[in-house]
């Protein structure tokens, strides 16, 4: 492991006083809105504080040097996709279960993009808000590990690759490549050669791993009509892409969706077009959930214990906070649970379309 940098030093009231040319008590009066300094001095002190990036500590524990007793978790995803995403609901449940054992709080925030997420980390660090953070959705070119290393914030990357290591950051990873290979194995065994993967956000590292694995498996098996289409994970885009690919000629005989919400929306869109599942097109959901078991036919899905994923990530972060070295930890490979949405591929020209 490369050597971790020394944490960056937070600006203090003493730094502000030195830069502004006033006493520390004057800085305290100015920043806390108390009388005792002129308006000109107050304005100068606040201007210097802003230039230095100073923020007031919001936790008494942080003021006493004992830490914030809080862990941060930021998600840079479209907010409208999170309320129905079973994976993140279960993940947060597992995280909270472990944090509760140590009476630690979870500070959760949705960010507009990665740049906004980085700004949140800087603000939390400056304000002593959190003792460490959980980082989701690693990117191919990701600025967050270097920033967290610079700030000295302990962090665990959820869903990273086992061979990508950062000083001071632990990684909890799932074998997306192995899971995708198992889905292709099952579908090709059923005779499917035209497969479309309706994927998630294109810049996520795990989306890229799944796409690359599907492409490699297709090349290895000589499948010429296999491709991936990226989306924002929403039911709206899942349905729209389903209608588009099923409208092609010839249409795919199997669809792999990167989450359960898109898979359910895709089944409904296929039915609207007159496609029968699985007689005309087989469907596989990457995430298993109650949704997959409530539709007709019930959806074949990759099953994993998402709450356990969250518990593992939280335990690794607590280990870092206790002084343990950073490490990479794998979780079990998602297993394919076959249900009524997968069947043998229809023969060429043999699709049964309802009138």
Protein backbone atom coordinates (compact mmCIF):
# COMPACT_ATOMS: atom_id res chain seq x y z
CA UNK A 1 0.00 0.00 0.00
CA UNK A 2 1.27 3.52 -0.79
CA UNK A 3 1.98 5.77 2.18
CA UNK A 4 -0.94 7.87 3.27
CA UNK A 5 -0.50 11.63 3.34
CA UNK A 6 -0.64 13.57 6.59
CA UNK A 7 -4.17 14.98 6.99
CA UNK A 8 -4.63 18.57 5.91
CA UNK A 9 -4.89 21.01 8.83
CA UNK A 10 -8.21 22.72 9.41
CA UNK A 11 -8.03 26.53 9.67
CA UNK A 12 -8.53 27.84 13.20
CA UNK A 13 -9.61 31.11 14.78
CA UNK A 14 -5.93 31.76 15.48
CA UNK A 15 -5.21 31.55 11.74
CA UNK A 16 -8.03 34.00 11.02
CA UNK A 17 -6.79 36.39 13.71
CA UNK A 18 -3.26 36.34 12.31
CA UNK A 19 -4.45 36.93 8.72
CA UNK A 20 -6.94 39.66 9.71
CA UNK A 21 -4.55 41.40 12.12
CA UNK A 22 -6.88 41.21 15.13
CA UNK A 23 -7.05 39.30 18.40
CA UNK A 24 -8.60 35.83 18.73
CA UNK A 25 -11.30 37.27 20.98
CA UNK A 26 -12.19 39.76 18.25
CA UNK A 27 -12.49 36.86 15.80
CA UNK A 28 -14.80 35.05 18.21
CA UNK A 29 -16.97 38.14 18.64
CA UNK A 30 -17.13 38.72 14.88
CA UNK A 31 -17.93 35.16 13.87
CA UNK A 32 -20.49 34.59 16.60
CA UNK A 33 -22.37 37.83 15.98
CA UNK A 34 -21.55 39.27 19.39
CA UNK A 35 -20.94 42.95 20.16
CA UNK A 36 -17.41 44.17 20.89
CA UNK A 37 -16.02 44.78 17.39
CA UNK A 38 -16.76 47.35 14.71
CA UNK A 39 -18.75 46.43 11.62
CA UNK A 40 -15.64 46.98 9.50
CA UNK A 41 -13.66 44.50 11.63
CA UNK A 42 -16.56 42.04 11.60
CA UNK A 43 -16.72 42.20 7.80
CA UNK A 44 -12.92 41.77 7.48
CA UNK A 45 -12.86 38.77 9.82
CA UNK A 46 -15.70 37.06 7.98
CA UNK A 47 -14.03 37.70 4.64
CA UNK A 48 -10.76 36.14 5.86
CA UNK A 49 -12.63 33.18 7.36
CA UNK A 50 -14.27 32.54 4.00
CA UNK A 51 -10.94 32.79 2.18
CA UNK A 52 -9.36 30.25 4.54
CA UNK A 53 -12.31 27.86 4.26
CA UNK A 54 -13.06 28.03 8.00
CA UNK A 55 -16.37 26.56 9.20
CA UNK A 56 -17.76 26.44 12.73
CA UNK A 57 -17.83 23.07 14.41
CA UNK A 58 -21.39 21.87 14.83
CA UNK A 59 -20.69 19.06 17.30
CA UNK A 60 -19.65 19.50 20.91
CA UNK A 61 -17.71 16.25 20.72
CA UNK A 62 -15.65 17.65 17.91
CA UNK A 63 -14.90 20.79 19.95
CA UNK A 64 -13.57 18.61 22.75
CA UNK A 65 -11.45 16.60 20.33
CA UNK A 66 -13.41 13.37 20.83
CA UNK A 67 -14.80 13.16 17.30
CA UNK A 68 -18.22 13.78 15.82
CA UNK A 69 -19.69 10.33 16.63
CA UNK A 70 -21.18 10.44 13.13
CA UNK A 71 -20.49 8.70 9.82
CA UNK A 72 -21.25 10.40 6.50
CA UNK A 73 -22.82 8.88 3.38
CA UNK A 74 -23.34 10.89 0.18
CA UNK A 75 -25.05 9.60 -2.96
CA UNK A 76 -24.52 11.43 -6.24
CA UNK A 77 -27.47 9.94 -8.12
CA UNK A 78 -30.72 11.35 -9.48
CA UNK A 79 -32.86 11.80 -6.38
CA UNK A 80 -36.00 10.49 -8.10
CA UNK A 81 -34.38 7.07 -8.58
CA UNK A 82 -33.46 6.48 -4.93
CA UNK A 83 -36.88 6.22 -3.31
CA UNK A 84 -37.72 3.03 -5.21
CA UNK A 85 -34.23 1.47 -5.31
CA UNK A 86 -34.39 -1.61 -3.10
CA UNK A 87 -30.60 -2.06 -3.09
CA UNK A 88 -29.88 1.26 -1.38
CA UNK A 89 -32.74 0.88 1.08
CA UNK A 90 -31.32 -2.47 2.21
CA UNK A 91 -27.74 -1.19 2.13
CA UNK A 92 -28.55 1.74 4.43
CA UNK A 93 -30.48 -0.61 6.72
CA UNK A 94 -27.38 -2.77 7.15
CA UNK A 95 -25.13 0.25 7.69
CA UNK A 96 -27.41 1.68 10.37
CA UNK A 97 -27.64 -1.67 12.15
CA UNK A 98 -23.86 -1.72 12.74
CA UNK A 99 -23.56 1.98 13.59
CA UNK A 100 -26.30 1.63 16.20
CA UNK A 101 -24.17 -0.92 18.06
CA UNK A 102 -21.63 1.85 18.69
CA UNK A 103 -24.23 4.62 19.17
CA UNK A 104 -22.99 6.38 16.04
CA UNK A 105 -25.17 8.56 13.84
CA UNK A 106 -25.47 8.41 10.04
CA UNK A 107 -25.45 11.71 8.16
CA UNK A 108 -26.96 11.11 4.73
CA UNK A 109 -27.08 13.52 1.81
CA UNK A 110 -27.97 13.33 -1.89
CA UNK A 111 -25.61 15.28 -4.16
CA UNK A 112 -26.23 16.59 -7.65
CA UNK A 113 -22.97 15.16 -9.05
CA UNK A 114 -19.49 14.07 -7.97
CA UNK A 115 -18.22 17.65 -7.83
CA UNK A 116 -21.06 18.50 -5.45
CA UNK A 117 -20.27 15.36 -3.43
CA UNK A 118 -16.64 16.48 -3.08
CA UNK A 119 -17.83 19.89 -1.88
CA UNK A 120 -19.93 18.13 0.78
CA UNK A 121 -16.85 16.24 2.01
CA UNK A 122 -14.84 19.44 2.25
CA UNK A 123 -17.63 21.12 4.19
CA UNK A 124 -18.12 18.17 6.55
CA UNK A 125 -14.37 18.01 7.18
CA UNK A 126 -14.11 21.76 7.87
CA UNK A 127 -17.12 21.68 10.20
CA UNK A 128 -15.98 18.51 12.07
CA UNK A 129 -19.28 16.92 11.06
CA UNK A 130 -18.15 13.33 10.54
CA UNK A 131 -15.40 10.97 11.67
CA UNK A 132 -15.39 9.00 8.41
CA UNK A 133 -17.43 8.40 5.27
CA UNK A 134 -18.87 5.61 3.15
CA UNK A 135 -18.35 6.16 -0.57
CA UNK A 136 -20.73 4.60 -3.09
CA UNK A 137 -20.68 4.27 -6.87
CA UNK A 138 -16.95 4.42 -7.66
CA UNK A 139 -16.18 5.98 -11.04
CA UNK A 140 -13.57 5.11 -13.65
CA UNK A 141 -11.79 8.45 -13.13
CA UNK A 142 -12.76 9.22 -9.54
CA UNK A 143 -11.53 12.35 -7.72
CA UNK A 144 -12.96 11.31 -4.35
CA UNK A 145 -10.26 8.91 -3.05
CA UNK A 146 -7.49 11.46 -3.52
CA UNK A 147 -9.59 14.18 -1.86
CA UNK A 148 -10.45 12.00 1.14
CA UNK A 149 -6.79 11.03 1.46
CA UNK A 150 -5.81 14.70 1.39
CA UNK A 151 -8.37 15.57 4.06
CA UNK A 152 -7.43 12.58 6.18
CA UNK A 153 -11.02 11.32 6.37
CA UNK A 154 -11.19 7.54 6.87
CA UNK A 155 -13.39 6.03 4.16
CA UNK A 156 -14.73 2.77 2.78
CA UNK A 157 -15.51 2.49 -0.94
CA UNK A 158 -18.62 0.38 -1.54
CA UNK A 159 -18.58 -1.54 -4.80
CA UNK A 160 -15.03 -0.83 -5.83
CA UNK A 161 -12.76 -3.20 -7.71
CA UNK A 162 -10.53 -5.53 -5.66
CA UNK A 163 -7.41 -4.48 -7.57
CA UNK A 164 -7.93 -0.71 -7.11
CA UNK A 165 -6.35 0.37 -3.83
CA UNK A 166 -6.05 3.79 -2.22
CA UNK A 167 -4.03 4.71 0.87
CA UNK A 168 -6.23 4.90 3.95
CA UNK A 169 -9.35 3.73 2.11
CA UNK A 170 -10.82 0.26 2.48
CA UNK A 171 -12.87 -1.34 -0.30
CA UNK A 172 -15.87 -3.67 -0.06
CA UNK A 173 -16.46 -5.23 -3.45
CA UNK A 174 -18.79 -7.59 -5.26
CA UNK A 175 -17.83 -9.73 -8.25
CA UNK A 176 -19.91 -8.04 -10.96
CA UNK A 177 -17.95 -9.82 -13.68
CA UNK A 178 -18.65 -13.26 -12.21
CA UNK A 179 -22.32 -12.43 -11.74
CA UNK A 180 -22.73 -11.25 -15.35
CA UNK A 181 -20.94 -14.37 -16.63
CA UNK A 182 -23.38 -16.56 -14.70
CA UNK A 183 -26.36 -14.79 -16.30
CA UNK A 184 -24.90 -15.23 -19.78
CA UNK A 185 -24.24 -18.91 -19.01
CA UNK A 186 -27.89 -19.41 -18.09
CA UNK A 187 -29.30 -17.51 -21.06
CA UNK A 188 -27.09 -19.17 -23.65
CA UNK A 189 -27.91 -22.58 -22.18
CA UNK A 190 -31.55 -21.70 -22.95
CA UNK A 191 -30.62 -20.92 -26.55
CA UNK A 192 -30.53 -17.11 -26.37
CA UNK A 193 -28.15 -15.41 -28.79
CA UNK A 194 -29.75 -11.94 -29.07
CA UNK A 195 -29.31 -10.35 -25.64
CA UNK A 196 -29.65 -6.71 -24.61
CA UNK A 197 -28.31 -5.46 -21.27
CA UNK A 198 -30.31 -2.43 -20.06
CA UNK A 199 -27.65 -0.95 -17.81
CA UNK A 200 -27.41 1.81 -15.24
CA UNK A 201 -25.44 5.06 -15.22
CA UNK A 202 -22.62 4.92 -17.79
CA UNK A 203 -19.86 6.50 -15.69
CA UNK A 204 -20.12 4.06 -12.78
CA UNK A 205 -17.26 1.58 -12.50
CA UNK A 206 -19.56 -1.39 -11.86
CA UNK A 207 -21.66 -0.51 -14.92
CA UNK A 208 -18.50 -0.56 -17.01
CA UNK A 209 -17.43 -3.89 -15.52
CA UNK A 210 -20.78 -5.46 -16.35
CA UNK A 211 -20.73 -4.09 -19.90
CA UNK A 212 -17.14 -5.26 -20.45
CA UNK A 213 -17.92 -8.73 -19.12
CA UNK A 214 -21.00 -9.09 -21.32
CA UNK A 215 -18.96 -8.04 -24.36
CA UNK A 216 -16.16 -10.47 -23.49
CA UNK A 217 -18.61 -13.34 -22.93
CA UNK A 218 -20.35 -12.58 -26.24
CA UNK A 219 -17.04 -12.60 -28.11
CA UNK A 220 -15.98 -15.83 -26.42
CA UNK A 221 -19.21 -17.54 -27.43
CA UNK A 222 -19.48 -16.00 -30.89
CA UNK A 223 -22.67 -14.06 -30.13
CA UNK A 224 -22.97 -11.21 -32.61
CA UNK A 225 -26.22 -9.61 -31.43
CA UNK A 226 -25.39 -8.69 -27.84
CA UNK A 227 -25.15 -5.11 -26.57
CA UNK A 228 -25.66 -2.81 -23.59
CA UNK A 229 -27.73 0.39 -23.37
CA UNK A 230 -27.17 2.75 -20.41
CA UNK A 231 -29.93 4.52 -18.44
CA UNK A 232 -30.44 6.50 -15.23
CA UNK A 233 -31.86 3.43 -13.39
CA UNK A 234 -35.41 4.84 -13.45
CA UNK A 235 -38.56 2.96 -14.41
CA UNK A 236 -39.22 5.62 -17.07
CA UNK A 237 -35.95 5.03 -18.91
CA UNK A 238 -36.16 1.28 -18.34
CA UNK A 239 -39.52 1.18 -20.11
CA UNK A 240 -38.44 3.56 -22.88
CA UNK A 241 -35.33 1.55 -23.72
CA UNK A 242 -37.34 -1.69 -23.61
CA UNK A 243 -39.79 -0.34 -26.17
CA UNK A 244 -36.94 0.85 -28.36
CA UNK A 245 -34.96 -2.40 -28.42
CA UNK A 246 -38.03 -4.61 -28.82
CA UNK A 247 -39.04 -2.47 -31.77
CA UNK A 248 -35.87 -3.46 -33.61
CA UNK A 249 -35.67 -6.17 -36.24
CA UNK A 250 -35.01 -8.78 -35.14
CA UNK A 251 -35.82 -8.03 -31.49
CA UNK A 252 -33.72 -9.51 -28.69
CA UNK A 253 -34.87 -12.75 -27.10
CA UNK A 254 -33.47 -11.87 -23.65
CA UNK A 255 -33.17 -8.66 -21.59
CA UNK A 256 -30.91 -8.14 -18.57
CA UNK A 257 -31.83 -5.14 -16.37
CA UNK A 258 -29.44 -3.53 -13.90
CA UNK A 259 -32.11 -3.17 -11.22
CA UNK A 260 -35.51 -4.52 -10.26
CA UNK A 261 -37.43 -1.31 -10.93
CA UNK A 262 -36.36 -1.19 -14.57
CA UNK A 263 -37.05 -4.92 -14.97
CA UNK A 264 -40.63 -4.57 -13.74
CA UNK A 265 -41.18 -1.52 -15.95
CA UNK A 266 -39.67 -3.44 -18.86
CA UNK A 267 -42.07 -6.37 -18.44
CA UNK A 268 -45.00 -3.94 -18.55
CA UNK A 269 -43.59 -2.22 -21.65
CA UNK A 270 -43.06 -5.56 -23.38
CA UNK A 271 -46.65 -6.58 -22.64
CA UNK A 272 -47.91 -3.30 -24.11
CA UNK A 273 -46.08 -4.19 -27.33
CA UNK A 274 -47.63 -7.65 -27.38
CA UNK A 275 -44.57 -9.61 -26.24
CA UNK A 276 -45.13 -12.57 -23.92
CA UNK A 277 -42.61 -13.18 -21.09
CA UNK A 278 -40.84 -15.60 -21.30
CA UNK A 279 -42.26 -17.13 -24.50
CA UNK A 280 -41.09 -14.20 -26.67
CA UNK A 281 -38.49 -12.56 -24.49
CA UNK A 282 -36.79 -13.65 -21.25
CA UNK A 283 -36.13 -11.14 -18.49
CA UNK A 284 -33.47 -11.11 -15.74
CA UNK A 285 -33.20 -8.49 -12.99
CA UNK A 286 -29.79 -7.72 -11.49
CA UNK A 287 -31.30 -7.04 -8.05
CA UNK A 288 -33.81 -9.33 -6.37
CA UNK A 289 -36.60 -7.82 -4.28
CA UNK A 290 -40.24 -8.15 -3.34
CA UNK A 291 -41.06 -6.42 -6.64
CA UNK A 292 -39.55 -9.33 -8.55
CA UNK A 293 -41.80 -11.77 -6.71
CA UNK A 294 -45.00 -9.73 -7.00
CA UNK A 295 -45.26 -9.42 -10.78
CA UNK A 296 -46.51 -12.05 -13.21
CA UNK A 297 -44.49 -13.91 -14.19
CA UNK A 298 -42.17 -13.69 -11.20
CA UNK A 299 -38.79 -12.39 -12.29
CA UNK A 300 -35.56 -14.36 -12.43
CA UNK A 301 -33.02 -12.26 -10.54
CA UNK A 302 -29.52 -12.05 -9.16
CA UNK A 303 -29.96 -12.37 -5.42
CA UNK A 304 -27.62 -11.06 -2.75
CA UNK A 305 -27.86 -9.93 0.85
CA UNK A 306 -27.69 -6.15 0.36
CA UNK A 307 -28.13 -5.47 4.07
CA UNK A 308 -25.10 -7.69 4.76
CA UNK A 309 -23.19 -5.65 2.17
CA UNK A 310 -24.00 -2.55 4.21
CA UNK A 311 -23.05 -4.22 7.49
CA UNK A 312 -19.69 -5.26 6.04
CA UNK A 313 -18.98 -1.72 4.80
CA UNK A 314 -19.89 -0.18 8.15
CA UNK A 315 -17.73 -2.66 10.09
CA UNK A 316 -14.76 -1.91 7.83
CA UNK A 317 -15.19 1.81 8.46
CA UNK A 318 -15.36 1.27 12.22
CA UNK A 319 -12.16 -0.77 11.97
CA UNK A 320 -10.44 2.17 10.24
CA UNK A 321 -11.68 4.52 12.96
CA UNK A 322 -10.23 2.13 15.55
CA UNK A 323 -6.83 2.34 13.85
CA UNK A 324 -6.83 -0.82 11.72
CA UNK A 325 -5.07 -0.70 8.32
CA UNK A 326 -7.05 -0.27 5.11
CA UNK A 327 -7.92 -3.46 3.25
CA UNK A 328 -10.04 -4.93 0.44
CA UNK A 329 -12.93 -7.23 1.38
CA UNK A 330 -15.09 -9.24 -1.01
CA UNK A 331 -18.72 -10.22 -0.46
CA UNK A 332 -20.41 -13.33 -1.90
CA UNK A 333 -21.08 -13.33 -5.65
CA UNK A 334 -24.78 -12.61 -6.41
CA UNK A 335 -26.47 -15.87 -7.38
CA UNK A 336 -29.04 -16.23 -10.13
CA UNK A 337 -32.45 -17.34 -8.86
CA UNK A 338 -34.47 -18.68 -11.78
CA UNK A 339 -38.20 -17.98 -11.86
CA UNK A 340 -40.93 -17.67 -14.46
CA UNK A 341 -39.47 -14.83 -16.53
CA UNK A 342 -36.76 -16.93 -18.21
CA UNK A 343 -37.33 -19.73 -20.70
CA UNK A 344 -36.00 -21.20 -23.90
CA UNK A 345 -35.42 -18.77 -26.75
CA UNK A 346 -38.21 -18.63 -29.32
CA UNK A 347 -37.18 -20.01 -32.73
CA UNK A 348 -36.40 -17.44 -35.42
CA UNK A 349 -39.67 -15.97 -36.64
CA UNK A 350 -41.56 -17.89 -33.99
CA UNK A 351 -42.47 -15.02 -31.65
CA UNK A 352 -46.05 -15.21 -30.43
CA UNK A 353 -47.62 -11.77 -30.38
CA UNK A 354 -51.01 -11.22 -28.79
CA UNK A 355 -53.71 -9.69 -30.94
